Amino acid sequence: MTVATQSFKSRPIDRVHRGIPTSDGAGVKLTRMLGHQGLMQLDPFLMLDYFSSDNANDYIAGFPEHPHRGFETVTIMIEGKMRHGDNKGHSGVIEDGGLQWMTAGRGIVHSEIPEQTDGRMWGFQLWVNLPSELKMTDPGYQEFSRDEIPVDQRDGASLRVLAGSLSNGIQGPARSAAIDPLLLDITLDAGASLTEAIPADLNAFIAVYRGQVDAGGTTVTTPALAVLGTGDQLDLKAGPEGASLLLVAGKPIGEPVARYGPFVMNTQAELQQAVVDFQAGRF
């Protein structure tokens, strides 16, 4: 009798995007890596902004009070300090290595203001969609320091598990209101390799923010977002200076997406209602 062995298919790089330089909030300079005309979304992910500057003029004004409805925002701080406050009573400061996960749900008004006047401000903000039945859920807020995020140390690799579970069962602390995404912050030593299972039914991308990595013969240099093709395993090899990157993966929701600024719903009528509700003070 023969015993069947499971074979794994490595996910190739499907396409690479360098992002679009832009500004948001009160003039914060950033690179929009997902959510631009070249790559509007990768269901269930709507946007990824990357910011990195040691010039306070690029970030000091921050993101004053603004509304959201219909999705979740995830802020990943590599270096720097950012203060969050919202009209539901949540507040806190995320620092180096920290994570903030906010569920806007039916409506929230919040601000994100740097807690520093010099030094480097470096990190990401990711927008995660909500399915129609949860777009009007209660708002929520989660915050985790570097010490609260588990780390899987492998040969030449360090995997910080922000959300979801690794193939060895290590689980991150953050929870989405709707989906069960995998969100990893990976650091590779020079020339180090990493293999990790990524279920085939998840859309996935990597965002390289230091050094360079090779996946399936394609080299990705910082800063860039690379969409992963079909397969069930991620195989990476770092360049001569090592690499740092985010791995983001999630199961598609498969619903229509209607967007207007800080609101993400399923229909234009729902967007119009969001504007009316916000203007009427119902957030």
Protein backbone atom coordinates (compact mmCIF):
# COMPACT_ATOMS: atom_id res chain seq x y z
CA MET A 1 0.00 0.00 0.00
CA THR A 2 1.31 3.45 -0.86
CA VAL A 3 0.77 6.45 1.33
CA ALA A 4 -0.25 9.63 -0.47
CA THR A 5 1.95 12.60 0.25
CA GLN A 6 0.69 16.13 0.18
CA SER A 7 2.36 18.36 -2.37
CA PHE A 8 2.52 22.10 -2.00
CA LYS A 9 2.54 24.70 -4.73
CA SER A 10 4.63 27.77 -4.12
CA ARG A 11 2.83 31.06 -4.69
CA PRO A 12 4.55 33.12 -7.39
CA ILE A 13 4.58 36.89 -7.64
CA ASP A 14 1.68 37.81 -9.89
CA ARG A 15 2.44 41.54 -10.18
CA VAL A 16 4.40 44.26 -8.39
CA HIS A 17 3.25 47.80 -7.63
CA ARG A 18 5.52 50.60 -6.41
CA GLY A 19 2.61 52.67 -5.12
CA ILE A 20 1.56 56.27 -5.69
CA PRO A 21 3.05 59.17 -3.67
CA THR A 22 0.23 61.18 -2.14
CA SER A 23 -0.83 62.96 1.05
CA ASP A 24 -3.74 62.50 3.42
CA GLY A 25 -5.09 63.90 6.64
CA ALA A 26 -3.59 67.34 7.30
CA GLY A 27 -0.89 66.89 4.68
CA VAL A 28 0.84 63.70 5.84
CA LYS A 29 3.11 62.45 3.05
CA LEU A 30 2.73 58.76 2.25
CA THR A 31 2.78 56.15 -0.50
CA ARG A 32 -0.53 54.50 -1.41
CA MET A 33 0.44 50.92 -2.20
CA LEU A 34 -3.12 49.58 -2.49
CA GLY A 35 -6.22 51.61 -3.28
CA HIS A 36 -5.01 53.49 -6.39
CA GLN A 37 -5.99 53.23 -10.06
CA GLY A 38 -3.35 50.58 -10.75
CA LEU A 39 -4.57 48.34 -7.91
CA MET A 40 -7.88 49.49 -6.44
CA GLN A 41 -8.34 46.56 -4.07
CA LEU A 42 -7.51 42.94 -3.37
CA ASP A 43 -10.67 41.59 -1.77
CA PRO A 44 -11.09 41.81 1.23
CA PHE A 45 -8.37 44.49 1.46
CA LEU A 46 -9.23 48.01 0.32
CA MET A 47 -6.16 50.15 0.92
CA LEU A 48 -2.59 50.05 2.18
CA ASP A 49 -0.77 53.28 2.95
CA TYR A 50 2.96 53.30 3.72
CA PHE A 51 4.64 56.19 5.54
CA SER A 52 8.33 56.63 6.31
CA SER A 53 10.02 59.93 7.08
CA ASP A 54 12.39 61.45 9.62
CA ASN A 55 11.24 64.95 8.62
CA ALA A 56 8.55 66.06 11.07
CA ASN A 57 7.06 68.41 8.45
CA ASP A 58 5.99 65.30 6.51
CA TYR A 59 3.83 63.92 9.32
CA ILE A 60 3.48 66.24 12.32
CA ALA A 61 -0.05 67.50 11.50
CA GLY A 62 -1.35 63.94 11.51
CA PHE A 63 -4.93 62.97 10.78
CA PRO A 64 -7.38 65.25 12.62
CA GLU A 65 -10.94 64.11 13.36
CA HIS A 66 -12.58 62.31 10.44
CA PRO A 67 -15.37 59.72 10.04
CA HIS A 68 -15.44 56.12 8.82
CA ARG A 69 -18.18 53.59 8.11
CA GLY A 70 -18.32 50.04 6.75
CA PHE A 71 -14.78 48.67 7.24
CA GLU A 72 -11.83 48.29 9.62
CA THR A 73 -8.57 50.24 9.86
CA VAL A 74 -5.33 48.58 10.97
CA THR A 75 -2.33 50.72 11.92
CA ILE A 76 1.06 48.99 12.17
CA MET A 77 3.78 51.11 13.72
CA ILE A 78 7.38 50.19 12.92
CA GLU A 79 8.91 53.30 14.49
CA GLY A 80 7.32 56.34 16.09
CA LYS A 81 4.31 57.12 18.27
CA MET A 82 0.73 57.78 17.18
CA ARG A 83 -2.15 58.78 19.45
CA HIS A 84 -5.64 57.51 18.67
CA GLY A 85 -8.86 59.05 20.01
CA ASP A 86 -12.48 58.59 18.92
CA ASN A 87 -16.02 59.63 19.77
CA LYS A 88 -16.81 56.23 21.32
CA GLY A 89 -14.42 56.78 24.23
CA HIS A 90 -11.44 54.81 22.94
CA SER A 91 -7.97 56.33 23.24
CA GLY A 92 -4.38 55.17 23.30
CA VAL A 93 -0.87 55.56 21.93
CA ILE A 94 0.79 52.99 19.71
CA GLU A 95 4.59 52.97 19.72
CA ASP A 96 7.44 51.09 18.01
CA GLY A 97 6.18 47.65 17.03
CA GLY A 98 2.61 48.34 18.16
CA LEU A 99 -0.69 47.60 16.46
CA GLN A 100 -4.10 49.29 16.45
CA TRP A 101 -7.21 47.62 14.99
CA MET A 102 -10.34 49.76 14.74
CA THR A 103 -13.72 48.52 13.55
CA ALA A 104 -15.62 51.50 12.18
CA GLY A 105 -18.84 49.54 11.69
CA ARG A 106 -21.92 51.76 11.51
CA GLY A 107 -19.90 54.89 12.15
CA ILE A 108 -17.05 56.37 14.15
CA VAL A 109 -15.17 59.68 14.22
CA HIS A 110 -11.51 59.43 15.18
CA SER A 111 -8.17 61.20 15.02
CA GLU A 112 -4.60 59.96 14.69
CA ILE A 113 -1.97 62.45 15.79
CA PRO A 114 1.81 61.85 16.08
CA GLU A 115 3.11 61.88 19.67
CA GLN A 116 6.51 63.20 18.63
CA THR A 117 8.06 66.32 17.17
CA ASP A 118 11.17 64.70 15.70
CA GLY A 119 12.49 61.28 14.82
CA ARG A 120 11.26 58.77 12.30
CA MET A 121 7.57 58.03 11.70
CA TRP A 122 7.43 54.66 9.94
CA GLY A 123 4.56 52.27 9.41
CA PHE A 124 1.45 51.22 7.53
CA GLN A 125 -2.30 51.61 7.59
CA LEU A 126 -4.41 48.83 6.10
CA TRP A 127 -8.15 48.98 5.36
CA VAL A 128 -10.07 45.71 5.70
CA ASN A 129 -13.56 45.44 4.24
CA LEU A 130 -16.61 44.21 6.15
CA PRO A 131 -19.36 42.05 4.59
CA SER A 132 -22.79 43.61 4.14
CA GLU A 133 -24.29 42.01 7.24
CA LEU A 134 -21.61 43.59 9.46
CA LYS A 135 -21.17 47.02 7.89
CA MET A 136 -23.50 48.48 10.52
CA THR A 137 -22.04 46.57 13.45
CA ASP A 138 -21.01 48.34 16.66
CA PRO A 139 -17.67 50.18 16.44
CA GLY A 140 -14.73 48.62 18.26
CA TYR A 141 -11.09 49.25 19.10
CA GLN A 142 -8.10 47.02 19.90
CA GLU A 143 -4.56 48.06 20.75
CA PHE A 144 -1.48 45.89 21.28
CA SER A 145 2.07 46.81 22.26
CA ARG A 146 5.16 45.12 20.82
CA ASP A 147 5.38 42.89 23.91
CA GLU A 148 1.83 41.60 23.37
CA ILE A 149 2.57 40.33 19.85
CA PRO A 150 3.94 36.75 19.68
CA VAL A 151 7.13 36.14 17.70
CA ASP A 152 8.09 32.91 15.95
CA GLN A 153 11.88 32.68 15.67
CA ARG A 154 13.19 30.42 12.92
CA ASP A 155 16.58 29.96 11.31
CA GLY A 156 17.38 33.44 10.02
CA ALA A 157 13.74 34.56 10.23
CA SER A 158 11.53 36.36 12.74
CA LEU A 159 7.74 36.32 12.26
CA ARG A 160 5.64 38.69 14.38
CA VAL A 161 2.09 37.33 14.31
CA LEU A 162 -0.26 40.33 14.40
CA ALA A 163 -3.45 38.48 13.41
CA GLY A 164 -4.40 34.98 12.32
CA SER A 165 -2.44 31.77 12.86
CA LEU A 166 0.81 30.32 11.57
CA SER A 167 0.99 26.75 10.32
CA ASN A 168 2.55 25.79 13.70
CA GLY A 169 -0.45 27.17 15.61
CA ILE A 170 1.03 30.44 16.91
CA GLN A 171 -1.82 32.95 16.90
CA GLY A 172 -1.83 36.72 16.82
CA PRO A 173 -3.85 38.85 19.27
CA ALA A 174 -5.88 41.04 16.88
CA ARG A 175 -9.35 39.96 15.80
CA SER A 176 -11.37 41.15 12.82
CA ALA A 177 -15.12 41.64 13.27
CA ALA A 178 -15.80 39.55 10.19
CA ILE A 179 -12.95 37.70 8.52
CA ASP A 180 -9.95 35.79 9.86
CA PRO A 181 -7.04 37.44 8.06
CA LEU A 182 -3.39 36.50 8.38
CA LEU A 183 -1.17 39.49 9.12
CA LEU A 184 2.55 38.92 9.68
CA ASP A 185 5.50 41.28 10.12
CA ILE A 186 8.50 39.31 8.85
CA THR A 187 12.22 40.06 9.20
CA LEU A 188 14.78 37.94 7.32
CA ASP A 189 18.53 37.91 7.82
CA ALA A 190 20.78 38.35 4.78
CA GLY A 191 20.29 35.40 2.44
CA ALA A 192 17.79 33.68 4.76
CA SER A 193 14.90 31.61 3.39
CA LEU A 194 11.38 31.20 4.74
CA THR A 195 8.57 28.80 3.89
CA GLU A 196 5.07 29.21 5.32
CA ALA A 197 1.73 27.69 4.33
CA ILE A 198 -0.85 30.15 2.97
CA PRO A 199 -4.25 28.56 2.28
CA ALA A 200 -5.09 28.55 -1.42
CA ASP A 201 -8.49 30.21 -0.90
CA LEU A 202 -6.92 33.40 0.51
CA ASN A 203 -5.97 36.46 -1.50
CA ALA A 204 -2.50 37.52 -0.40
CA PHE A 205 0.22 40.11 -0.91
CA ILE A 206 3.54 41.11 0.58
CA ALA A 207 4.65 44.70 1.23
CA VAL A 208 8.43 45.01 1.40
CA TYR A 209 9.64 47.90 3.54
CA ARG A 210 13.35 47.08 3.99
CA GLY A 211 15.83 45.37 1.69
CA GLN A 212 14.69 42.90 -0.95
CA VAL A 213 13.21 39.42 -1.24
CA ASP A 214 12.88 36.84 -4.00
CA ALA A 215 9.73 34.77 -4.51
CA GLY A 216 9.50 32.33 -7.40
CA GLY A 217 12.28 34.04 -9.32
CA THR A 218 10.87 37.56 -8.93
CA THR A 219 12.84 40.04 -6.83
CA VAL A 220 10.90 42.69 -4.92
CA THR A 221 12.76 45.72 -3.55
CA THR A 222 11.57 48.23 -0.98
CA PRO A 223 9.15 49.90 -0.98
CA ALA A 224 6.79 47.79 -3.07
CA LEU A 225 3.67 45.66 -2.86
CA ALA A 226 3.67 42.28 -4.61
CA VAL A 227 0.42 40.40 -5.22
CA LEU A 228 0.84 36.65 -4.79
CA GLY A 229 -0.49 34.23 -7.39
CA THR A 230 -2.23 30.90 -6.85
CA GLY A 231 -0.76 28.27 -4.57
CA ASP A 232 -0.75 27.19 -0.95
CA GLN A 233 2.76 28.00 0.21
CA LEU A 234 4.93 31.10 0.41
CA ASP A 235 8.66 30.69 -0.30
CA LEU A 236 10.89 33.70 0.26
CA LYS A 237 14.63 34.34 0.13
CA ALA A 238 16.14 37.56 1.41
CA GLY A 239 18.68 39.61 -0.50
CA PRO A 240 22.25 40.37 0.65
CA GLU A 241 21.12 43.03 3.14
CA GLY A 242 18.20 41.06 4.55
CA ALA A 243 14.58 42.15 4.33
CA SER A 244 11.51 43.23 6.28
CA LEU A 245 7.98 42.87 4.94
CA LEU A 246 4.33 42.49 5.77
CA LEU A 247 2.42 39.42 4.67
CA VAL A 248 -1.32 40.10 4.35
CA ALA A 249 -3.82 37.37 3.43
CA GLY A 250 -7.58 37.01 3.71
CA LYS A 251 -10.57 35.20 2.26
CA PRO A 252 -12.45 37.27 -0.35
CA ILE A 253 -15.88 38.58 0.63
CA GLY A 254 -17.11 38.62 -2.97
CA GLU A 255 -19.58 41.50 -2.67
CA PRO A 256 -19.98 44.79 -4.58
CA VAL A 257 -17.87 47.64 -3.21
CA ALA A 258 -19.07 51.24 -3.25
CA ARG A 259 -16.56 53.81 -1.98
CA TYR A 260 -16.74 57.50 -1.19
CA GLY A 261 -13.83 58.92 0.79
CA PRO A 262 -13.97 57.47 4.32
CA PHE A 263 -17.08 55.37 3.66
CA VAL A 264 -17.14 51.88 2.12
CA MET A 265 -20.53 50.27 1.52
CA ASN A 266 -22.17 47.98 -1.06
CA THR A 267 -24.37 50.48 -2.92
CA GLN A 268 -24.45 54.16 -3.84
CA ALA A 269 -27.67 54.56 -1.83
CA GLU A 270 -25.86 53.29 1.27
CA LEU A 271 -23.05 55.77 0.66
CA GLN A 272 -25.53 58.62 0.40
CA GLN A 273 -27.11 57.50 3.67
CA ALA A 274 -23.68 57.44 5.31
CA VAL A 275 -23.12 61.07 4.34
CA VAL A 276 -26.57 62.05 5.64
CA ASP A 277 -26.03 60.19 8.92
CA PHE A 278 -22.63 61.77 9.47
CA GLN A 279 -23.90 65.29 8.74
CA ALA A 280 -26.81 64.71 11.11
CA GLY A 281 -24.45 63.68 13.92
CA ARG A 282 -25.57 60.05 14.02
CA PHE A 283 -22.05 58.58 14.04
